[in-house]
Amino acid sequence: MIDSLFIGIPFLMVFLFFGIGIVGTIFWIWMLVDCAMKEPSQGNDKLIWVIIILFTHLLGALLYFFVRRPQRIREYGR
């Protein structure tokens, strides 16, 4: 019984990390597309946010989601 538990734990961890990676990548793509399509083109804001999201992957996507996106929705309504 204990041997089967130790065999199942690594499989579960690999499955869990793979799932987190897939969800993180989908979120990253969603934020990249959202920024590229809906961010207004005033100055270099759009370009800078796309570069931030592109090069910092999940961290940049989270930063955009929690900092810039609510501000953009408040200002422009989209």
PDB file of N, CA and C in Angstrom:
ATOM      1  N   MET A   1       0.821  -1.192   0.000  1.00  0.00           N
ATOM      2  CA  MET A   1       0.000   0.000   0.000  1.00  0.00           C
ATOM      3  C   MET A   1       0.868   1.260   0.000  1.00  0.00           C
ATOM      4  N   ILE A   2       1.868   1.303   0.857  1.00  0.00           N
ATOM      5  CA  ILE A   2       2.725   2.480   0.932  1.00  0.00           C
ATOM      6  C   ILE A   2       3.565   2.607  -0.341  1.00  0.00           C
ATOM      7  N   ASP A   3       3.987   1.476  -0.923  1.00  0.00           N
ATOM      8  CA  ASP A   3       4.750   1.532  -2.168  1.00  0.00           C
ATOM      9  C   ASP A   3       3.938   2.148  -3.294  1.00  0.00           C
ATOM     10  N   SER A   4       2.680   1.808  -3.395  1.00  0.00           N
ATOM     11  CA  SER A   4       1.842   2.379  -4.450  1.00  0.00           C
ATOM     12  C   SER A   4       1.606   3.875  -4.219  1.00  0.00           C
ATOM     13  N   LEU A   5       1.603   4.305  -2.965  1.00  0.00           N
ATOM     14  CA  LEU A   5       1.452   5.721  -2.655  1.00  0.00           C
ATOM     15  C   LEU A   5       2.669   6.500  -3.131  1.00  0.00           C
ATOM     16  N   PHE A   6       3.857   5.951  -2.896  1.00  0.00           N
ATOM     17  CA  PHE A   6       5.077   6.629  -3.318  1.00  0.00           C
ATOM     18  C   PHE A   6       5.227   6.641  -4.834  1.00  0.00           C
ATOM     19  N   ILE A   7       4.661   5.696  -5.523  1.00  0.00           N
ATOM     20  CA  ILE A   7       4.699   5.680  -6.980  1.00  0.00           C
ATOM     21  C   ILE A   7       3.721   6.712  -7.538  1.00  0.00           C
ATOM     22  N   GLY A   8       2.592   6.892  -6.899  1.00  0.00           N
ATOM     23  CA  GLY A   8       1.562   7.810  -7.382  1.00  0.00           C
ATOM     24  C   GLY A   8       1.873   9.275  -7.151  1.00  0.00           C
ATOM     25  N   ILE A   9       2.646   9.587  -6.117  1.00  0.00           N
ATOM     26  CA  ILE A   9       2.938  10.985  -5.790  1.00  0.00           C
ATOM     27  C   ILE A   9       3.734  11.679  -6.897  1.00  0.00           C
ATOM     28  N   PRO A  10       4.831  11.090  -7.410  1.00  0.00           N
ATOM     29  CA  PRO A  10       5.545  11.781  -8.503  1.00  0.00           C
ATOM     30  C   PRO A  10       4.670  11.972  -9.742  1.00  0.00           C
ATOM     31  N   PHE A  11       3.852  10.984 -10.063  1.00  0.00           N
ATOM     32  CA  PHE A  11       2.957  11.119 -11.218  1.00  0.00           C
ATOM     33  C   PHE A  11       1.979  12.265 -10.998  1.00  0.00           C
ATOM     34  N   LEU A  12       1.442  12.368  -9.797  1.00  0.00           N
ATOM     35  CA  LEU A  12       0.507  13.440  -9.465  1.00  0.00           C
ATOM     36  C   LEU A  12       1.182  14.806  -9.532  1.00  0.00           C
ATOM     37  N   MET A  13       2.410  14.896  -9.058  1.00  0.00           N
ATOM     38  CA  MET A  13       3.133  16.168  -9.093  1.00  0.00           C
ATOM     39  C   MET A  13       3.434  16.597 -10.521  1.00  0.00           C
ATOM     40  N   VAL A  14       3.839  15.656 -11.372  1.00  0.00           N
ATOM     41  CA  VAL A  14       4.105  15.978 -12.770  1.00  0.00           C
ATOM     42  C   VAL A  14       2.820  16.449 -13.438  1.00  0.00           C
ATOM     43  N   PHE A  15       1.725  15.761 -13.209  1.00  0.00           N
ATOM     44  CA  PHE A  15       0.435  16.134 -13.767  1.00  0.00           C
ATOM     45  C   PHE A  15       0.013  17.516 -13.275  1.00  0.00           C
ATOM     46  N   LEU A  16       0.220  17.805 -11.994  1.00  0.00           N
ATOM     47  CA  LEU A  16      -0.143  19.093 -11.404  1.00  0.00           C
ATOM     48  C   LEU A  16       0.681  20.228 -12.019  1.00  0.00           C
ATOM     49  N   PHE A  17       1.988  20.064 -12.100  1.00  0.00           N
ATOM     50  CA  PHE A  17       2.845  21.107 -12.670  1.00  0.00           C
ATOM     51  C   PHE A  17       2.567  21.306 -14.153  1.00  0.00           C
ATOM     52  N   PHE A  18       2.288  20.243 -14.880  1.00  0.00           N
ATOM     53  CA  PHE A  18       1.943  20.349 -16.288  1.00  0.00           C
ATOM     54  C   PHE A  18       0.644  21.132 -16.447  1.00  0.00           C
ATOM     55  N   GLY A  19      -0.332  20.862 -15.602  1.00  0.00           N
ATOM     56  CA  GLY A  19      -1.611  21.582 -15.642  1.00  0.00           C
ATOM     57  C   GLY A  19      -1.442  23.052 -15.320  1.00  0.00           C
ATOM     58  N   ILE A  20      -0.627  23.362 -14.315  1.00  0.00           N
ATOM     59  CA  ILE A  20      -0.368  24.758 -13.959  1.00  0.00           C
ATOM     60  C   ILE A  20       0.332  25.470 -15.111  1.00  0.00           C
ATOM     61  N   GLY A  21       1.252  24.792 -15.761  1.00  0.00           N
ATOM     62  CA  GLY A  21       1.954  25.375 -16.906  1.00  0.00           C
ATOM     63  C   GLY A  21       1.021  25.674 -18.066  1.00  0.00           C
ATOM     64  N   ILE A  22       0.101  24.755 -18.345  1.00  0.00           N
ATOM     65  CA  ILE A  22      -0.859  24.959 -19.431  1.00  0.00           C
ATOM     66  C   ILE A  22      -1.796  26.124 -19.105  1.00  0.00           C
ATOM     67  N   VAL A  23      -2.319  26.162 -17.895  1.00  0.00           N
ATOM     68  CA  VAL A  23      -3.228  27.243 -17.485  1.00  0.00           C
ATOM     69  C   VAL A  23      -2.496  28.590 -17.509  1.00  0.00           C
ATOM     70  N   GLY A  24      -1.257  28.621 -17.039  1.00  0.00           N
ATOM     71  CA  GLY A  24      -0.469  29.852 -17.061  1.00  0.00           C
ATOM     72  C   GLY A  24      -0.209  30.344 -18.475  1.00  0.00           C
ATOM     73  N   THR A  25       0.075  29.429 -19.388  1.00  0.00           N
ATOM     74  CA  THR A  25       0.318  29.805 -20.779  1.00  0.00           C
ATOM     75  C   THR A  25      -0.955  30.316 -21.444  1.00  0.00           C
ATOM     76  N   ILE A  26      -2.086  29.688 -21.170  1.00  0.00           N
ATOM     77  CA  ILE A  26      -3.360  30.162 -21.715  1.00  0.00           C
ATOM     78  C   ILE A  26      -3.680  31.563 -21.192  1.00  0.00           C
ATOM     79  N   PHE A  27      -3.451  31.791 -19.901  1.00  0.00           N
ATOM     80  CA  PHE A  27      -3.674  33.117 -19.315  1.00  0.00           C
ATOM     81  C   PHE A  27      -2.746  34.141 -19.950  1.00  0.00           C
ATOM     82  N   TRP A  28      -1.478  33.781 -20.174  1.00  0.00           N
ATOM     83  CA  TRP A  28      -0.498  34.668 -20.796  1.00  0.00           C
ATOM     84  C   TRP A  28      -0.939  35.065 -22.208  1.00  0.00           C
ATOM     85  N   ILE A  29      -1.380  34.096 -22.982  1.00  0.00           N
ATOM     86  CA  ILE A  29      -1.847  34.374 -24.342  1.00  0.00           C
ATOM     87  C   ILE A  29      -3.080  35.266 -24.301  1.00  0.00           C
ATOM     88  N   TRP A  30      -4.007  35.002 -23.384  1.00  0.00           N
ATOM     89  CA  TRP A  30      -5.218  35.810 -23.248  1.00  0.00           C
ATOM     90  C   TRP A  30      -4.859  37.272 -22.946  1.00  0.00           C
ATOM     91  N   MET A  31      -3.935  37.506 -22.016  1.00  0.00           N
ATOM     92  CA  MET A  31      -3.559  38.871 -21.670  1.00  0.00           C
ATOM     93  C   MET A  31      -2.801  39.540 -22.810  1.00  0.00           C
ATOM     94  N   LEU A  32      -1.984  38.806 -23.530  1.00  0.00           N
ATOM     95  CA  LEU A  32      -1.247  39.354 -24.665  1.00  0.00           C
ATOM     96  C   LEU A  32      -2.214  39.794 -25.767  1.00  0.00           C
ATOM     97  N   VAL A  33      -3.193  38.959 -26.070  1.00  0.00           N
ATOM     98  CA  VAL A  33      -4.193  39.298 -27.084  1.00  0.00           C
ATOM     99  C   VAL A  33      -5.071  40.452 -26.596  1.00  0.00           C
ATOM    100  N   ASP A  34      -5.478  40.434 -25.339  1.00  0.00           N
ATOM    101  CA  ASP A  34      -6.298  41.505 -24.777  1.00  0.00           C
ATOM    102  C   ASP A  34      -5.572  42.840 -24.880  1.00  0.00           C
ATOM    103  N   CYS A  35      -4.309  42.855 -24.542  1.00  0.00           N
ATOM    104  CA  CYS A  35      -3.534  44.086 -24.608  1.00  0.00           C
ATOM    105  C   CYS A  35      -3.367  44.543 -26.053  1.00  0.00           C
ATOM    106  N   ALA A  36      -3.055  43.634 -26.949  1.00  0.00           N
ATOM    107  CA  ALA A  36      -2.821  44.003 -28.346  1.00  0.00           C
ATOM    108  C   ALA A  36      -4.096  44.474 -29.040  1.00  0.00           C
ATOM    109  N   MET A  37      -5.228  43.939 -28.664  1.00  0.00           N
ATOM    110  CA  MET A  37      -6.475  44.272 -29.357  1.00  0.00           C
ATOM    111  C   MET A  37      -7.237  45.437 -28.717  1.00  0.00           C
ATOM    112  N   LYS A  38      -7.204  45.574 -27.409  1.00  0.00           N
ATOM    113  CA  LYS A  38      -8.083  46.530 -26.734  1.00  0.00           C
ATOM    114  C   LYS A  38      -7.372  47.725 -26.116  1.00  0.00           C
ATOM    115  N   GLU A  39      -6.084  47.657 -25.975  1.00  0.00           N
ATOM    116  CA  GLU A  39      -5.341  48.775 -25.383  1.00  0.00           C
ATOM    117  C   GLU A  39      -5.319  49.935 -26.375  1.00  0.00           C
ATOM    118  N   PRO A  40      -5.685  51.148 -25.944  1.00  0.00           N
ATOM    119  CA  PRO A  40      -5.656  52.285 -26.867  1.00  0.00           C
ATOM    120  C   PRO A  40      -4.223  52.626 -27.268  1.00  0.00           C
ATOM    121  N   SER A  41      -4.070  53.118 -28.478  1.00  0.00           N
ATOM    122  CA  SER A  41      -2.738  53.421 -29.013  1.00  0.00           C
ATOM    123  C   SER A  41      -2.365  54.873 -28.750  1.00  0.00           C
ATOM    124  N   GLN A  42      -2.201  55.220 -27.510  1.00  0.00           N
ATOM    125  CA  GLN A  42      -1.778  56.568 -27.143  1.00  0.00           C
ATOM    126  C   GLN A  42      -0.311  56.495 -26.754  1.00  0.00           C
ATOM    127  N   GLY A  43       0.519  57.170 -27.496  1.00  0.00           N
ATOM    128  CA  GLY A  43       1.946  57.124 -27.216  1.00  0.00           C
ATOM    129  C   GLY A  43       2.480  55.725 -27.454  1.00  0.00           C
ATOM    130  N   ASN A  44       3.315  55.299 -26.548  1.00  0.00           N
ATOM    131  CA  ASN A  44       3.912  53.962 -26.655  1.00  0.00           C
ATOM    132  C   ASN A  44       3.364  52.995 -25.611  1.00  0.00           C
ATOM    133  N   ASP A  45       2.260  53.338 -24.959  1.00  0.00           N
ATOM    134  CA  ASP A  45       1.717  52.497 -23.888  1.00  0.00           C
ATOM    135  C   ASP A  45       1.434  51.075 -24.356  1.00  0.00           C
ATOM    136  N   LYS A  46       0.775  50.950 -25.491  1.00  0.00           N
ATOM    137  CA  LYS A  46       0.409  49.633 -25.995  1.00  0.00           C
ATOM    138  C   LYS A  46       1.661  48.800 -26.278  1.00  0.00           C
ATOM    139  N   LEU A  47       2.622  49.385 -26.946  1.00  0.00           N
ATOM    140  CA  LEU A  47       3.860  48.680 -27.278  1.00  0.00           C
ATOM    141  C   LEU A  47       4.621  48.267 -26.025  1.00  0.00           C
ATOM    142  N   ILE A  48       4.696  49.151 -25.070  1.00  0.00           N
ATOM    143  CA  ILE A  48       5.416  48.840 -23.829  1.00  0.00           C
ATOM    144  C   ILE A  48       4.742  47.702 -23.079  1.00  0.00           C
ATOM    145  N   TRP A  49       3.404  47.721 -22.976  1.00  0.00           N
ATOM    146  CA  TRP A  49       2.708  46.638 -22.279  1.00  0.00           C
ATOM    147  C   TRP A  49       2.852  45.313 -23.015  1.00  0.00           C
ATOM    148  N   VAL A  50       2.799  45.335 -24.338  1.00  0.00           N
ATOM    149  CA  VAL A  50       2.984  44.090 -25.102  1.00  0.00           C
ATOM    150  C   VAL A  50       4.383  43.543 -24.855  1.00  0.00           C
ATOM    151  N   ILE A  51       5.397  44.393 -24.846  1.00  0.00           N
ATOM    152  CA  ILE A  51       6.774  43.946 -24.599  1.00  0.00           C
ATOM    153  C   ILE A  51       6.910  43.397 -23.185  1.00  0.00           C
ATOM    154  N   ILE A  52       6.309  44.084 -22.206  1.00  0.00           N
ATOM    155  CA  ILE A  52       6.367  43.600 -20.813  1.00  0.00           C
ATOM    156  C   ILE A  52       5.735  42.220 -20.710  1.00  0.00           C
ATOM    157  N   ILE A  53       4.547  42.064 -21.265  1.00  0.00           N
ATOM    158  CA  ILE A  53       3.853  40.766 -21.190  1.00  0.00           C
ATOM    159  C   ILE A  53       4.632  39.701 -21.948  1.00  0.00           C
ATOM    160  N   LEU A  54       5.164  40.044 -23.096  1.00  0.00           N
ATOM    161  CA  LEU A  54       5.873  39.078 -23.934  1.00  0.00           C
ATOM    162  C   LEU A  54       7.135  38.556 -23.260  1.00  0.00           C
ATOM    163  N   PHE A  55       7.923  39.437 -22.668  1.00  0.00           N
ATOM    164  CA  PHE A  55       9.217  39.026 -22.130  1.00  0.00           C
ATOM    165  C   PHE A  55       9.187  38.571 -20.669  1.00  0.00           C
ATOM    166  N   THR A  56       8.141  38.903 -19.929  1.00  0.00           N
ATOM    167  CA  THR A  56       8.095  38.467 -18.527  1.00  0.00           C
ATOM    168  C   THR A  56       7.067  37.362 -18.292  1.00  0.00           C
ATOM    169  N   HIS A  57       6.456  36.900 -19.349  1.00  0.00           N
ATOM    170  CA  HIS A  57       5.505  35.791 -19.366  1.00  0.00           C
ATOM    171  C   HIS A  57       4.436  35.960 -18.293  1.00  0.00           C
ATOM    172  N   LEU A  58       4.331  35.042 -17.368  1.00  0.00           N
ATOM    173  CA  LEU A  58       3.224  35.033 -16.410  1.00  0.00           C
ATOM    174  C   LEU A  58       3.264  36.239 -15.476  1.00  0.00           C
ATOM    175  N   LEU A  59       4.433  36.655 -15.061  1.00  0.00           N
ATOM    176  CA  LEU A  59       4.546  37.818 -14.174  1.00  0.00           C
ATOM    177  C   LEU A  59       4.015  39.076 -14.863  1.00  0.00           C
ATOM    178  N   GLY A  60       4.383  39.285 -16.102  1.00  0.00           N
ATOM    179  CA  GLY A  60       3.893  40.442 -16.848  1.00  0.00           C
ATOM    180  C   GLY A  60       2.398  40.375 -17.102  1.00  0.00           C
ATOM    181  N   ALA A  61       1.894  39.164 -17.385  1.00  0.00           N
ATOM    182  CA  ALA A  61       0.461  38.992 -17.604  1.00  0.00           C
ATOM    183  C   ALA A  61      -0.324  39.293 -16.328  1.00  0.00           C
ATOM    184  N   LEU A  62       0.171  38.830 -15.198  1.00  0.00           N
ATOM    185  CA  LEU A  62      -0.489  39.122 -13.918  1.00  0.00           C
ATOM    186  C   LEU A  62      -0.433  40.612 -13.606  1.00  0.00           C
ATOM    187  N   LEU A  63       0.698  41.237 -13.868  1.00  0.00           N
ATOM    188  CA  LEU A  63       0.846  42.670 -13.650  1.00  0.00           C
ATOM    189  C   LEU A  63      -0.143  43.450 -14.511  1.00  0.00           C
ATOM    190  N   TYR A  64      -0.246  43.079 -15.773  1.00  0.00           N
ATOM    191  CA  TYR A  64      -1.199  43.743 -16.664  1.00  0.00           C
ATOM    192  C   TYR A  64      -2.632  43.511 -16.186  1.00  0.00           C
ATOM    193  N   PHE A  65      -2.964  42.277 -15.794  1.00  0.00           N
ATOM    194  CA  PHE A  65      -4.316  41.934 -15.380  1.00  0.00           C
ATOM    195  C   PHE A  65      -4.755  42.711 -14.146  1.00  0.00           C
ATOM    196  N   PHE A  66      -3.863  42.866 -13.173  1.00  0.00           N
ATOM    197  CA  PHE A  66      -4.250  43.503 -11.914  1.00  0.00           C
ATOM    198  C   PHE A  66      -3.983  45.009 -11.870  1.00  0.00           C
ATOM    199  N   VAL A  67      -3.080  45.514 -12.707  1.00  0.00           N
ATOM    200  CA  VAL A  67      -2.735  46.934 -12.640  1.00  0.00           C
ATOM    201  C   VAL A  67      -3.343  47.716 -13.800  1.00  0.00           C
ATOM    202  N   ARG A  68      -3.023  47.360 -15.014  1.00  0.00           N
ATOM    203  CA  ARG A  68      -3.416  48.169 -16.166  1.00  0.00           C
ATOM    204  C   ARG A  68      -4.826  47.884 -16.662  1.00  0.00           C
ATOM    205  N   ARG A  69      -5.217  46.626 -16.719  1.00  0.00           N
ATOM    206  CA  ARG A  69      -6.516  46.271 -17.293  1.00  0.00           C
ATOM    207  C   ARG A  69      -7.690  46.936 -16.559  1.00  0.00           C
ATOM    208  N   PRO A  70      -7.749  46.895 -15.224  1.00  0.00           N
ATOM    209  CA  PRO A  70      -8.865  47.599 -14.542  1.00  0.00           C
ATOM    210  C   PRO A  70      -8.852  49.104 -14.804  1.00  0.00           C
ATOM    211  N   GLN A  71      -7.664  49.683 -14.888  1.00  0.00           N
ATOM    212  CA  GLN A  71      -7.558  51.111 -15.174  1.00  0.00           C
ATOM    213  C   GLN A  71      -8.075  51.405 -16.583  1.00  0.00           C
ATOM    214  N   ARG A  72      -7.717  50.566 -17.557  1.00  0.00           N
ATOM    215  CA  ARG A  72      -8.179  50.754 -18.928  1.00  0.00           C
ATOM    216  C   ARG A  72      -9.695  50.607 -19.011  1.00  0.00           C
ATOM    217  N   ILE A  73     -10.256  49.645 -18.328  1.00  0.00           N
ATOM    218  CA  ILE A  73     -11.702  49.422 -18.345  1.00  0.00           C
ATOM    219  C   ILE A  73     -12.429  50.615 -17.710  1.00  0.00           C
ATOM    220  N   ARG A  74     -11.886  51.168 -16.639  1.00  0.00           N
ATOM    221  CA  ARG A  74     -12.478  52.351 -16.006  1.00  0.00           C
ATOM    222  C   ARG A  74     -12.442  53.553 -16.944  1.00  0.00           C
ATOM    223  N   GLU A  75     -11.315  53.753 -17.623  1.00  0.00           N
ATOM    224  CA  GLU A  75     -11.150  54.931 -18.475  1.00  0.00           C
ATOM    225  C   GLU A  75     -11.882  54.826 -19.805  1.00  0.00           C
ATOM    226  N   TYR A  76     -11.804  53.659 -20.441  1.00  0.00           N
ATOM    227  CA  TYR A  76     -12.309  53.517 -21.804  1.00  0.00           C
ATOM    228  C   TYR A  76     -13.532  52.601 -21.907  1.00  0.00           C
ATOM    229  N   GLY A  77     -13.855  51.894 -20.858  1.00  0.00           N
ATOM    230  CA  GLY A  77     -15.033  51.052 -20.862  1.00  0.00           C
ATOM    231  C   GLY A  77     -14.932  49.787 -21.691  1.00  0.00           C
ATOM    232  N   ARG A  78     -13.734  49.368 -22.015  1.00  0.00           N
ATOM    233  CA  ARG A  78     -13.569  48.111 -22.765  1.00  0.00           C
ATOM    234  C   ARG A  78     -12.345  47.384 -22.335  1.00  0.00           C
TER     235      ARG A  78
END
